[in-house]
Amino acid sequence: SSCCSARSVNRTQSTQCALCEPSQRSTPSPDNVWQRKQQLRELREQDKRRQEERRLEQERLEREPAPKPFEESGFMVHGGMDAFAHKNAHVMSAQDLEACRQHCRDWGYGAFTVWNDQAFFRSEPARMIRDHMKRAASTVMYVNQETEQQRKARLKAEGRDDPTVQKKPERKAPAERGGRAQGEEREAEAAWEERPRRPRREPDMPRRNPKLRSPGSYVLPVFAQHDRSNHAERQALIKVIARVQEASGAQNDQEFEAECAEVTGTVRLYASHTPCISCMACFCQFQRLFPKVKLCVD
């Protein structure tokens, strides 16, 4: 009986250890959970403060009159201005402004902005840049005054190739094939020259379809304990909205949303687990955007 009781005691102790150790390893203490939540709150507060500071700085700049622009070496210089920010066609050092001007003229860029000793080039035409100028802190914008026809005529007069035109690769015939290879090469070059070409849009012409809202802005995630914006269910719905945007002929967001209200069909979404609260919110937003579309989740 004593042996059996010792075995039962040992079995009870081992069972208690087996039950206690995994919980101690995997379950975080309440203090750690509270600390993480507190850190997330502080980060969100810091982000709100930075956004508020940027908004106040932009309002202050808009209230102040901009410096008077002046012409310099074929460029109109606008102090404290910028346009099409974060759409950089090229970036280079701004230590040599003359090299920046030459690069802008040769490549036909509409302007370049100097900020923090860096030159950020804009591929949009000068007319569009002048229409979309905004106040910016510690920036100087140089708008190119040279037109596309003037640029091509200048490069031709200087005997230089247009850097924006891609050269056709040279085809060399093998020596052992002789005249036959040269004849095939001429035929290939003739076919290349006679190929159908799409009409090229003039750089000064505005785009037909302005940029619509991002597809992800129609299905916003819910921040619950962590970021859930990359969940597969939301990404799948974003792909569907993007396909509809590509097939749509809407000119603005209002027209696109009106077209979405008339779209019909069925969307079948397969998930490997139960959707979370953020994915459920995305389902509701998707259904609101496409009221005549049947959404099936399995």
C-alpha atoms as a PDB file:
ATOM      1  CA  SER A   1       0.000   0.000   0.000  1.00  0.00           C
ATOM      2  CA  SER A   2       2.887   2.338   0.782  1.00  0.00           C
ATOM      3  CA  CYS A   3       4.407   1.637  -2.636  1.00  0.00           C
ATOM      4  CA  CYS A   4       1.094   2.351  -4.333  1.00  0.00           C
ATOM      5  CA  SER A   5       0.663   5.566  -2.370  1.00  0.00           C
ATOM      6  CA  ALA A   6       4.186   6.683  -3.354  1.00  0.00           C
ATOM      7  CA  ARG A   7       3.373   5.968  -6.977  1.00  0.00           C
ATOM      8  CA  SER A   8       0.173   7.958  -6.751  1.00  0.00           C
ATOM      9  CA  VAL A   9       2.016  10.874  -5.137  1.00  0.00           C
ATOM     10  CA  ASN A  10       4.686  10.817  -7.833  1.00  0.00           C
ATOM     11  CA  ARG A  11       2.024  10.587 -10.551  1.00  0.00           C
ATOM     12  CA  THR A  12       0.152  13.540  -9.038  1.00  0.00           C
ATOM     13  CA  GLN A  13       3.319  15.673  -8.873  1.00  0.00           C
ATOM     14  CA  SER A  14       4.244  14.850 -12.472  1.00  0.00           C
ATOM     15  CA  THR A  15       0.714  15.697 -13.602  1.00  0.00           C
ATOM     16  CA  GLN A  16       0.858  19.031 -11.794  1.00  0.00           C
ATOM     17  CA  CYS A  17       4.234  19.851 -13.398  1.00  0.00           C
ATOM     18  CA  ALA A  18       2.935  18.869 -16.824  1.00  0.00           C
ATOM     19  CA  LEU A  19      -0.042  21.167 -16.357  1.00  0.00           C
ATOM     20  CA  CYS A  20       1.924  24.089 -14.930  1.00  0.00           C
ATOM     21  CA  GLU A  21       4.966  24.209 -17.168  1.00  0.00           C
ATOM     22  CA  PRO A  22       3.227  24.728 -20.557  1.00  0.00           C
ATOM     23  CA  SER A  23       1.032  27.482 -19.164  1.00  0.00           C
ATOM     24  CA  GLN A  24       4.076  29.229 -17.725  1.00  0.00           C
ATOM     25  CA  ARG A  25       5.877  28.969 -21.052  1.00  0.00           C
ATOM     26  CA  SER A  26       3.102  30.075 -23.453  1.00  0.00           C
ATOM     27  CA  THR A  27       0.746  32.363 -21.509  1.00  0.00           C
ATOM     28  CA  PRO A  28       2.188  35.853 -20.968  1.00  0.00           C
ATOM     29  CA  SER A  29       1.709  37.517 -17.645  1.00  0.00           C
ATOM     30  CA  PRO A  30      -0.880  40.297 -17.338  1.00  0.00           C
ATOM     31  CA  ASP A  31       1.902  42.829 -16.785  1.00  0.00           C
ATOM     32  CA  ASN A  32       3.501  42.013 -20.155  1.00  0.00           C
ATOM     33  CA  VAL A  33       0.164  42.216 -21.968  1.00  0.00           C
ATOM     34  CA  TRP A  34      -0.583  45.565 -20.336  1.00  0.00           C
ATOM     35  CA  GLN A  35       2.906  46.790 -21.289  1.00  0.00           C
ATOM     36  CA  ARG A  36       2.404  45.908 -24.941  1.00  0.00           C
ATOM     37  CA  LYS A  37      -0.974  47.598 -25.043  1.00  0.00           C
ATOM     38  CA  GLN A  38       0.498  50.663 -23.400  1.00  0.00           C
ATOM     39  CA  GLN A  39       3.301  50.781 -25.991  1.00  0.00           C
ATOM     40  CA  LEU A  40       0.771  50.563 -28.817  1.00  0.00           C
ATOM     41  CA  ARG A  41      -1.233  53.406 -27.294  1.00  0.00           C
ATOM     42  CA  GLU A  42       1.896  55.548 -27.017  1.00  0.00           C
ATOM     43  CA  LEU A  43       2.855  54.834 -30.629  1.00  0.00           C
ATOM     44  CA  ARG A  44      -0.607  55.798 -31.826  1.00  0.00           C
ATOM     45  CA  GLU A  45      -0.485  59.004 -29.801  1.00  0.00           C
ATOM     46  CA  GLN A  46       2.940  59.864 -31.240  1.00  0.00           C
ATOM     47  CA  ASP A  47       1.640  59.282 -34.766  1.00  0.00           C
ATOM     48  CA  LYS A  48      -1.354  61.537 -34.103  1.00  0.00           C
ATOM     49  CA  ARG A  49       0.921  64.264 -32.763  1.00  0.00           C
ATOM     50  CA  ARG A  50       3.180  64.054 -35.834  1.00  0.00           C
ATOM     51  CA  GLN A  51       0.201  64.254 -38.165  1.00  0.00           C
ATOM     52  CA  GLU A  52      -1.135  67.254 -36.269  1.00  0.00           C
ATOM     53  CA  GLU A  53       2.260  68.977 -36.427  1.00  0.00           C
ATOM     54  CA  ARG A  54       2.480  68.379 -40.182  1.00  0.00           C
ATOM     55  CA  ARG A  55      -1.047  69.730 -40.646  1.00  0.00           C
ATOM     56  CA  LEU A  56      -0.292  72.876 -38.635  1.00  0.00           C
ATOM     57  CA  GLU A  57       2.972  73.404 -40.525  1.00  0.00           C
ATOM     58  CA  GLN A  58       1.159  73.083 -43.857  1.00  0.00           C
ATOM     59  CA  GLU A  59      -1.507  75.560 -42.750  1.00  0.00           C
ATOM     60  CA  ARG A  60       1.177  78.002 -41.636  1.00  0.00           C
ATOM     61  CA  LEU A  61       2.945  77.719 -44.996  1.00  0.00           C
ATOM     62  CA  GLU A  62      -0.294  78.264 -46.896  1.00  0.00           C
ATOM     63  CA  ARG A  63      -1.023  81.419 -44.896  1.00  0.00           C
ATOM     64  CA  GLU A  64       2.393  82.885 -45.629  1.00  0.00           C
ATOM     65  CA  PRO A  65       2.901  84.373 -49.102  1.00  0.00           C
ATOM     66  CA  ALA A  66       5.214  82.366 -51.331  1.00  0.00           C
ATOM     67  CA  PRO A  67       8.442  83.976 -52.566  1.00  0.00           C
ATOM     68  CA  LYS A  68       8.167  85.614 -55.948  1.00  0.00           C
ATOM     69  CA  PRO A  69       9.354  83.230 -58.716  1.00  0.00           C
ATOM     70  CA  PHE A  70      12.172  84.255 -61.024  1.00  0.00           C
ATOM     71  CA  GLU A  71      13.753  82.885 -64.193  1.00  0.00           C
ATOM     72  CA  GLU A  72      17.224  81.380 -64.162  1.00  0.00           C
ATOM     73  CA  SER A  73      18.968  79.530 -67.019  1.00  0.00           C
ATOM     74  CA  GLY A  74      15.738  78.528 -68.734  1.00  0.00           C
ATOM     75  CA  PHE A  75      13.988  77.490 -65.500  1.00  0.00           C
ATOM     76  CA  MET A  76      11.379  79.230 -63.368  1.00  0.00           C
ATOM     77  CA  VAL A  77      12.541  79.021 -59.746  1.00  0.00           C
ATOM     78  CA  HIS A  78       9.775  78.715 -57.134  1.00  0.00           C
ATOM     79  CA  GLY A  79      10.905  78.867 -53.508  1.00  0.00           C
ATOM     80  CA  GLY A  80       8.967  76.875 -50.915  1.00  0.00           C
ATOM     81  CA  MET A  81       6.884  75.049 -53.539  1.00  0.00           C
ATOM     82  CA  ASP A  82       6.506  71.461 -54.710  1.00  0.00           C
ATOM     83  CA  ALA A  83       4.191  69.366 -56.891  1.00  0.00           C
ATOM     84  CA  PHE A  84       3.548  65.637 -57.319  1.00  0.00           C
ATOM     85  CA  ALA A  85       5.497  64.774 -54.185  1.00  0.00           C
ATOM     86  CA  HIS A  86       6.650  61.147 -53.781  1.00  0.00           C
ATOM     87  CA  LYS A  87       6.353  60.605 -57.577  1.00  0.00           C
ATOM     88  CA  ASN A  88      10.042  60.760 -58.392  1.00  0.00           C
ATOM     89  CA  ALA A  89      11.136  59.860 -61.908  1.00  0.00           C
ATOM     90  CA  HIS A  90      14.805  60.191 -60.928  1.00  0.00           C
ATOM     91  CA  VAL A  91      16.867  61.226 -57.889  1.00  0.00           C
ATOM     92  CA  MET A  92      20.407  62.618 -57.886  1.00  0.00           C
ATOM     93  CA  SER A  93      22.646  64.854 -55.822  1.00  0.00           C
ATOM     94  CA  ALA A  94      21.890  68.569 -55.987  1.00  0.00           C
ATOM     95  CA  GLN A  95      25.440  69.726 -55.307  1.00  0.00           C
ATOM     96  CA  ASP A  96      25.843  70.643 -58.998  1.00  0.00           C
ATOM     97  CA  LEU A  97      22.700  72.522 -60.041  1.00  0.00           C
ATOM     98  CA  GLU A  98      23.912  72.931 -63.617  1.00  0.00           C
ATOM     99  CA  ALA A  99      24.177  69.152 -63.994  1.00  0.00           C
ATOM    100  CA  CYS A 100      20.645  68.816 -62.602  1.00  0.00           C
ATOM    101  CA  ARG A 101      19.339  71.377 -65.110  1.00  0.00           C
ATOM    102  CA  GLN A 102      21.103  69.613 -67.984  1.00  0.00           C
ATOM    103  CA  HIS A 103      19.699  66.236 -66.950  1.00  0.00           C
ATOM    104  CA  CYS A 104      16.204  67.718 -66.677  1.00  0.00           C
ATOM    105  CA  ARG A 105      16.430  69.276 -70.144  1.00  0.00           C
ATOM    106  CA  ASP A 106      17.933  66.200 -71.843  1.00  0.00           C
ATOM    107  CA  TRP A 107      15.336  63.792 -70.443  1.00  0.00           C
ATOM    108  CA  GLY A 108      12.398  66.146 -70.943  1.00  0.00           C
ATOM    109  CA  TYR A 109      11.335  66.284 -67.305  1.00  0.00           C
ATOM    110  CA  GLY A 110       8.838  68.964 -66.362  1.00  0.00           C
ATOM    111  CA  ALA A 111      10.684  70.084 -63.234  1.00  0.00           C
ATOM    112  CA  PHE A 112      12.869  69.032 -60.333  1.00  0.00           C
ATOM    113  CA  THR A 113      12.668  69.864 -56.636  1.00  0.00           C
ATOM    114  CA  VAL A 114      15.714  70.422 -54.440  1.00  0.00           C
ATOM    115  CA  TRP A 115      15.319  69.318 -50.838  1.00  0.00           C
ATOM    116  CA  ASN A 116      17.944  68.208 -48.341  1.00  0.00           C
ATOM    117  CA  ASP A 117      20.752  68.453 -50.973  1.00  0.00           C
ATOM    118  CA  GLN A 118      18.876  66.029 -53.260  1.00  0.00           C
ATOM    119  CA  ALA A 119      17.176  66.708 -56.605  1.00  0.00           C
ATOM    120  CA  PHE A 120      13.850  64.947 -57.184  1.00  0.00           C
ATOM    121  CA  PHE A 121      12.744  64.997 -60.841  1.00  0.00           C
ATOM    122  CA  ARG A 122       9.108  65.124 -61.968  1.00  0.00           C
ATOM    123  CA  SER A 123       8.107  63.473 -65.239  1.00  0.00           C
ATOM    124  CA  GLU A 124       4.803  65.390 -65.511  1.00  0.00           C
ATOM    125  CA  PRO A 125       4.630  68.264 -68.061  1.00  0.00           C
ATOM    126  CA  ALA A 126       5.430  71.771 -66.885  1.00  0.00           C
ATOM    127  CA  ARG A 127       1.835  72.917 -67.389  1.00  0.00           C
ATOM    128  CA  MET A 128       0.473  70.222 -65.046  1.00  0.00           C
ATOM    129  CA  ILE A 129       3.179  70.986 -62.492  1.00  0.00           C
ATOM    130  CA  ARG A 130       2.271  74.672 -62.434  1.00  0.00           C
ATOM    131  CA  ASP A 131      -1.402  73.756 -61.887  1.00  0.00           C
ATOM    132  CA  HIS A 132      -0.644  71.384 -58.974  1.00  0.00           C
ATOM    133  CA  MET A 133       1.912  73.413 -57.022  1.00  0.00           C
ATOM    134  CA  LYS A 134       1.619  73.414 -53.220  1.00  0.00           C
ATOM    135  CA  ARG A 135       3.541  75.033 -50.415  1.00  0.00           C
ATOM    136  CA  ALA A 136       6.334  72.914 -48.938  1.00  0.00           C
ATOM    137  CA  ALA A 137       8.959  73.549 -46.305  1.00  0.00           C
ATOM    138  CA  SER A 138      12.661  73.966 -47.212  1.00  0.00           C
ATOM    139  CA  THR A 139      12.171  73.170 -50.916  1.00  0.00           C
ATOM    140  CA  VAL A 140      13.054  74.945 -54.152  1.00  0.00           C
ATOM    141  CA  MET A 141      11.340  73.901 -57.384  1.00  0.00           C
ATOM    142  CA  TYR A 142      12.866  74.443 -60.837  1.00  0.00           C
ATOM    143  CA  VAL A 143      10.257  74.282 -63.628  1.00  0.00           C
ATOM    144  CA  ASN A 144      11.616  73.516 -67.095  1.00  0.00           C
ATOM    145  CA  GLN A 145      10.625  76.136 -69.677  1.00  0.00           C
ATOM    146  CA  GLU A 146      11.847  74.146 -72.690  1.00  0.00           C
ATOM    147  CA  THR A 147       9.108  72.476 -74.761  1.00  0.00           C
ATOM    148  CA  GLU A 148       9.354  68.982 -76.220  1.00  0.00           C
ATOM    149  CA  GLN A 149       9.865  70.326 -79.759  1.00  0.00           C
ATOM    150  CA  GLN A 150      12.642  72.633 -78.577  1.00  0.00           C
ATOM    151  CA  ARG A 151      14.338  69.777 -76.750  1.00  0.00           C
ATOM    152  CA  LYS A 152      14.352  67.530 -79.824  1.00  0.00           C
ATOM    153  CA  ALA A 153      15.607  70.360 -82.060  1.00  0.00           C
ATOM    154  CA  ARG A 154      18.414  71.165 -79.589  1.00  0.00           C
ATOM    155  CA  LEU A 155      19.545  67.531 -79.367  1.00  0.00           C
ATOM    156  CA  LYS A 156      19.485  67.245 -83.156  1.00  0.00           C
ATOM    157  CA  ALA A 157      21.505  70.453 -83.577  1.00  0.00           C
ATOM    158  CA  GLU A 158      24.058  69.191 -81.031  1.00  0.00           C
ATOM    159  CA  GLY A 159      24.292  65.844 -82.814  1.00  0.00           C
ATOM    160  CA  ARG A 160      23.218  63.867 -79.744  1.00  0.00           C
ATOM    161  CA  ASP A 161      20.791  60.961 -79.438  1.00  0.00           C
ATOM    162  CA  ASP A 162      17.524  61.324 -77.574  1.00  0.00           C
ATOM    163  CA  PRO A 163      18.015  59.455 -74.244  1.00  0.00           C
ATOM    164  CA  THR A 164      14.267  58.830 -73.951  1.00  0.00           C
ATOM    165  CA  VAL A 165      14.173  56.783 -77.186  1.00  0.00           C
ATOM    166  CA  GLN A 166      15.184  53.156 -76.812  1.00  0.00           C
ATOM    167  CA  LYS A 167      17.604  52.020 -79.477  1.00  0.00           C
ATOM    168  CA  LYS A 168      16.766  48.999 -81.597  1.00  0.00           C
ATOM    169  CA  PRO A 169      19.213  46.155 -80.932  1.00  0.00           C
ATOM    170  CA  GLU A 170      21.642  45.519 -83.750  1.00  0.00           C
ATOM    171  CA  ARG A 171      21.397  42.125 -85.390  1.00  0.00           C
ATOM    172  CA  LYS A 172      24.641  40.667 -86.731  1.00  0.00           C
ATOM    173  CA  ALA A 173      24.480  37.783 -89.184  1.00  0.00           C
ATOM    174  CA  PRO A 174      26.942  34.914 -88.743  1.00  0.00           C
ATOM    175  CA  ALA A 175      29.846  34.961 -91.171  1.00  0.00           C
ATOM    176  CA  GLU A 176      29.296  31.401 -92.506  1.00  0.00           C
ATOM    177  CA  ARG A 177      25.764  32.097 -93.711  1.00  0.00           C
ATOM    178  CA  GLY A 178      26.885  34.786 -96.171  1.00  0.00           C
ATOM    179  CA  GLY A 179      24.385  36.532 -98.440  1.00  0.00           C
ATOM    180  CA  ARG A 180      21.440  34.468 -97.260  1.00  0.00           C
ATOM    181  CA  ALA A 181      21.872  35.684 -93.704  1.00  0.00           C
ATOM    182  CA  GLN A 182      22.105  39.287 -94.875  1.00  0.00           C
ATOM    183  CA  GLY A 183      18.889  38.890 -96.864  1.00  0.00           C
ATOM    184  CA  GLU A 184      17.085  37.457 -93.847  1.00  0.00           C
ATOM    185  CA  GLU A 185      18.403  40.334 -91.750  1.00  0.00           C
ATOM    186  CA  ARG A 186      17.032  42.889 -94.233  1.00  0.00           C
ATOM    187  CA  GLU A 187      13.659  41.132 -94.240  1.00  0.00           C
ATOM    188  CA  ALA A 188      13.595  41.134 -90.447  1.00  0.00           C
ATOM    189  CA  GLU A 189      14.452  44.847 -90.370  1.00  0.00           C
ATOM    190  CA  ALA A 190      11.697  45.605 -92.887  1.00  0.00           C
ATOM    191  CA  ALA A 191       9.180  43.661 -90.794  1.00  0.00           C
ATOM    192  CA  TRP A 192      10.355  45.565 -87.722  1.00  0.00           C
ATOM    193  CA  GLU A 193       9.845  48.929 -89.425  1.00  0.00           C
ATOM    194  CA  GLU A 194       6.387  47.952 -90.739  1.00  0.00           C
ATOM    195  CA  ARG A 195       5.097  46.666 -87.404  1.00  0.00           C
ATOM    196  CA  PRO A 196       1.883  48.320 -86.107  1.00  0.00           C
ATOM    197  CA  ARG A 197       2.561  51.034 -83.578  1.00  0.00           C
ATOM    198  CA  ARG A 198       0.218  52.464 -81.010  1.00  0.00           C
ATOM    199  CA  PRO A 199      -0.309  56.241 -81.118  1.00  0.00           C
ATOM    200  CA  ARG A 200       1.931  57.911 -78.585  1.00  0.00           C
ATOM    201  CA  ARG A 201       0.279  60.304 -76.125  1.00  0.00           C
ATOM    202  CA  GLU A 202       1.677  63.786 -76.177  1.00  0.00           C
ATOM    203  CA  PRO A 203       3.321  64.736 -72.866  1.00  0.00           C
ATOM    204  CA  ASP A 204       1.318  67.963 -72.545  1.00  0.00           C
ATOM    205  CA  MET A 205      -2.031  66.157 -72.846  1.00  0.00           C
ATOM    206  CA  PRO A 206      -3.761  65.335 -69.520  1.00  0.00           C
ATOM    207  CA  ARG A 207      -4.620  61.740 -68.734  1.00  0.00           C
ATOM    208  CA  ARG A 208      -8.061  60.524 -69.779  1.00  0.00           C
ATOM    209  CA  ASN A 209      -8.832  58.703 -66.552  1.00  0.00           C
ATOM    210  CA  PRO A 210      -7.682  60.429 -63.376  1.00  0.00           C
ATOM    211  CA  LYS A 211      -6.402  58.237 -60.604  1.00  0.00           C
ATOM    212  CA  LEU A 212      -9.200  56.740 -58.520  1.00  0.00           C
ATOM    213  CA  ARG A 213      -9.120  55.868 -54.847  1.00  0.00           C
ATOM    214  CA  SER A 214      -6.977  52.995 -53.729  1.00  0.00           C
ATOM    215  CA  PRO A 215      -8.944  49.700 -53.684  1.00  0.00           C
ATOM    216  CA  GLY A 216      -7.846  49.105 -50.104  1.00  0.00           C
ATOM    217  CA  SER A 217      -9.596  52.288 -48.934  1.00  0.00           C
ATOM    218  CA  TYR A 218     -12.992  50.673 -49.616  1.00  0.00           C
ATOM    219  CA  VAL A 219     -12.369  47.791 -47.182  1.00  0.00           C
ATOM    220  CA  LEU A 220     -10.683  49.262 -44.108  1.00  0.00           C
ATOM    221  CA  PRO A 221      -9.382  46.840 -41.442  1.00  0.00           C
ATOM    222  CA  VAL A 222     -10.039  46.937 -37.708  1.00  0.00           C
ATOM    223  CA  PHE A 223      -7.061  47.333 -35.383  1.00  0.00           C
ATOM    224  CA  ALA A 224      -7.758  44.768 -32.654  1.00  0.00           C
ATOM    225  CA  GLN A 225      -4.663  43.976 -30.551  1.00  0.00           C
ATOM    226  CA  HIS A 226      -2.489  44.008 -33.700  1.00  0.00           C
ATOM    227  CA  ASP A 227      -2.472  45.103 -37.326  1.00  0.00           C
ATOM    228  CA  ARG A 228      -4.883  42.988 -39.394  1.00  0.00           C
ATOM    229  CA  SER A 229      -4.597  44.803 -42.726  1.00  0.00           C
ATOM    230  CA  ASN A 230      -2.613  41.967 -44.349  1.00  0.00           C
ATOM    231  CA  HIS A 231      -5.188  39.225 -43.710  1.00  0.00           C
ATOM    232  CA  ALA A 232      -5.806  37.047 -46.764  1.00  0.00           C
ATOM    233  CA  GLU A 233      -9.568  37.675 -46.827  1.00  0.00           C
ATOM    234  CA  ARG A 234      -9.088  41.446 -47.117  1.00  0.00           C
ATOM    235  CA  GLN A 235      -6.345  41.078 -49.745  1.00  0.00           C
ATOM    236  CA  ALA A 236      -8.641  38.893 -51.862  1.00  0.00           C
ATOM    237  CA  LEU A 237     -11.417  41.505 -51.744  1.00  0.00           C
ATOM    238  CA  ILE A 238      -8.925  44.225 -52.671  1.00  0.00           C
ATOM    239  CA  LYS A 239      -7.978  42.216 -55.779  1.00  0.00           C
ATOM    240  CA  VAL A 240     -11.641  42.013 -56.788  1.00  0.00           C
ATOM    241  CA  ILE A 241     -12.139  45.773 -56.366  1.00  0.00           C
ATOM    242  CA  ALA A 242      -8.956  46.446 -58.361  1.00  0.00           C
ATOM    243  CA  ARG A 243     -10.213  44.268 -61.246  1.00  0.00           C
ATOM    244  CA  VAL A 244     -13.494  46.189 -61.292  1.00  0.00           C
ATOM    245  CA  GLN A 245     -11.577  49.483 -61.336  1.00  0.00           C
ATOM    246  CA  GLU A 246      -9.511  48.306 -64.317  1.00  0.00           C
ATOM    247  CA  ALA A 247     -12.651  47.375 -66.270  1.00  0.00           C
ATOM    248  CA  SER A 248     -14.502  50.540 -65.283  1.00  0.00           C
ATOM    249  CA  GLY A 249     -14.636  53.690 -67.357  1.00  0.00           C
ATOM    250  CA  ALA A 250     -15.323  55.965 -64.399  1.00  0.00           C
ATOM    251  CA  GLN A 251     -13.686  59.378 -64.340  1.00  0.00           C
ATOM    252  CA  ASN A 252     -13.986  59.952 -60.577  1.00  0.00           C
ATOM    253  CA  ASP A 253     -14.853  58.134 -57.358  1.00  0.00           C
ATOM    254  CA  GLN A 254     -18.542  59.057 -57.492  1.00  0.00           C
ATOM    255  CA  GLU A 255     -18.965  57.507 -60.938  1.00  0.00           C
ATOM    256  CA  PHE A 256     -17.043  54.417 -59.874  1.00  0.00           C
ATOM    257  CA  GLU A 257     -19.215  53.889 -56.780  1.00  0.00           C
ATOM    258  CA  ALA A 258     -22.347  54.369 -58.908  1.00  0.00           C
ATOM    259  CA  GLU A 259     -21.090  51.680 -61.316  1.00  0.00           C
ATOM    260  CA  CYS A 260     -20.293  49.363 -58.401  1.00  0.00           C
ATOM    261  CA  ALA A 261     -23.890  49.666 -57.213  1.00  0.00           C
ATOM    262  CA  GLU A 262     -25.018  48.138 -60.539  1.00  0.00           C
ATOM    263  CA  VAL A 263     -22.463  45.306 -60.685  1.00  0.00           C
ATOM    264  CA  THR A 264     -24.015  41.832 -60.384  1.00  0.00           C
ATOM    265  CA  GLY A 265     -22.482  38.410 -59.841  1.00  0.00           C
ATOM    266  CA  THR A 266     -21.141  36.091 -57.166  1.00  0.00           C
ATOM    267  CA  VAL A 267     -17.852  36.203 -55.241  1.00  0.00           C
ATOM    268  CA  ARG A 268     -16.827  32.923 -53.564  1.00  0.00           C
ATOM    269  CA  LEU A 269     -14.172  33.318 -50.875  1.00  0.00           C
ATOM    270  CA  TYR A 270     -12.592  30.261 -49.246  1.00  0.00           C
ATOM    271  CA  ALA A 271     -10.833  30.673 -45.898  1.00  0.00           C
ATOM    272  CA  SER A 272      -8.833  28.078 -43.988  1.00  0.00           C
ATOM    273  CA  HIS A 273     -10.162  29.260 -40.619  1.00  0.00           C
ATOM    274  CA  THR A 274     -12.950  31.305 -39.075  1.00  0.00           C
ATOM    275  CA  PRO A 275     -12.709  34.969 -40.233  1.00  0.00           C
ATOM    276  CA  CYS A 276     -11.784  37.462 -37.525  1.00  0.00           C
ATOM    277  CA  ILE A 277     -13.707  40.601 -36.593  1.00  0.00           C
ATOM    278  CA  SER A 278     -11.607  42.705 -38.995  1.00  0.00           C
ATOM    279  CA  CYS A 279     -12.364  40.389 -41.927  1.00  0.00           C
ATOM    280  CA  MET A 280     -16.075  40.461 -41.015  1.00  0.00           C
ATOM    281  CA  ALA A 281     -15.945  44.257 -41.156  1.00  0.00           C
ATOM    282  CA  CYS A 282     -14.291  44.067 -44.597  1.00  0.00           C
ATOM    283  CA  PHE A 283     -17.074  41.721 -45.773  1.00  0.00           C
ATOM    284  CA  CYS A 284     -19.694  44.263 -44.695  1.00  0.00           C
ATOM    285  CA  GLN A 285     -17.867  47.134 -46.434  1.00  0.00           C
ATOM    286  CA  PHE A 286     -17.511  45.064 -49.612  1.00  0.00           C
ATOM    287  CA  GLN A 287     -21.215  44.223 -49.548  1.00  0.00           C
ATOM    288  CA  ARG A 288     -22.045  47.910 -49.091  1.00  0.00           C
ATOM    289  CA  LEU A 289     -19.924  48.811 -52.140  1.00  0.00           C
ATOM    290  CA  PHE A 290     -21.458  46.001 -54.258  1.00  0.00           C
ATOM    291  CA  PRO A 291     -25.053  45.605 -52.977  1.00  0.00           C
ATOM    292  CA  LYS A 292     -26.092  43.438 -55.961  1.00  0.00           C
ATOM    293  CA  VAL A 293     -23.133  41.040 -55.655  1.00  0.00           C
ATOM    294  CA  LYS A 294     -23.594  37.832 -53.677  1.00  0.00           C
ATOM    295  CA  LEU A 295     -20.642  37.218 -51.328  1.00  0.00           C
ATOM    296  CA  CYS A 296     -20.207  33.581 -50.245  1.00  0.00           C
ATOM    297  CA  VAL A 297     -17.611  32.741 -47.589  1.00  0.00           C
ATOM    298  CA  ASP A 298     -16.700  29.121 -46.905  1.00  0.00           C
END
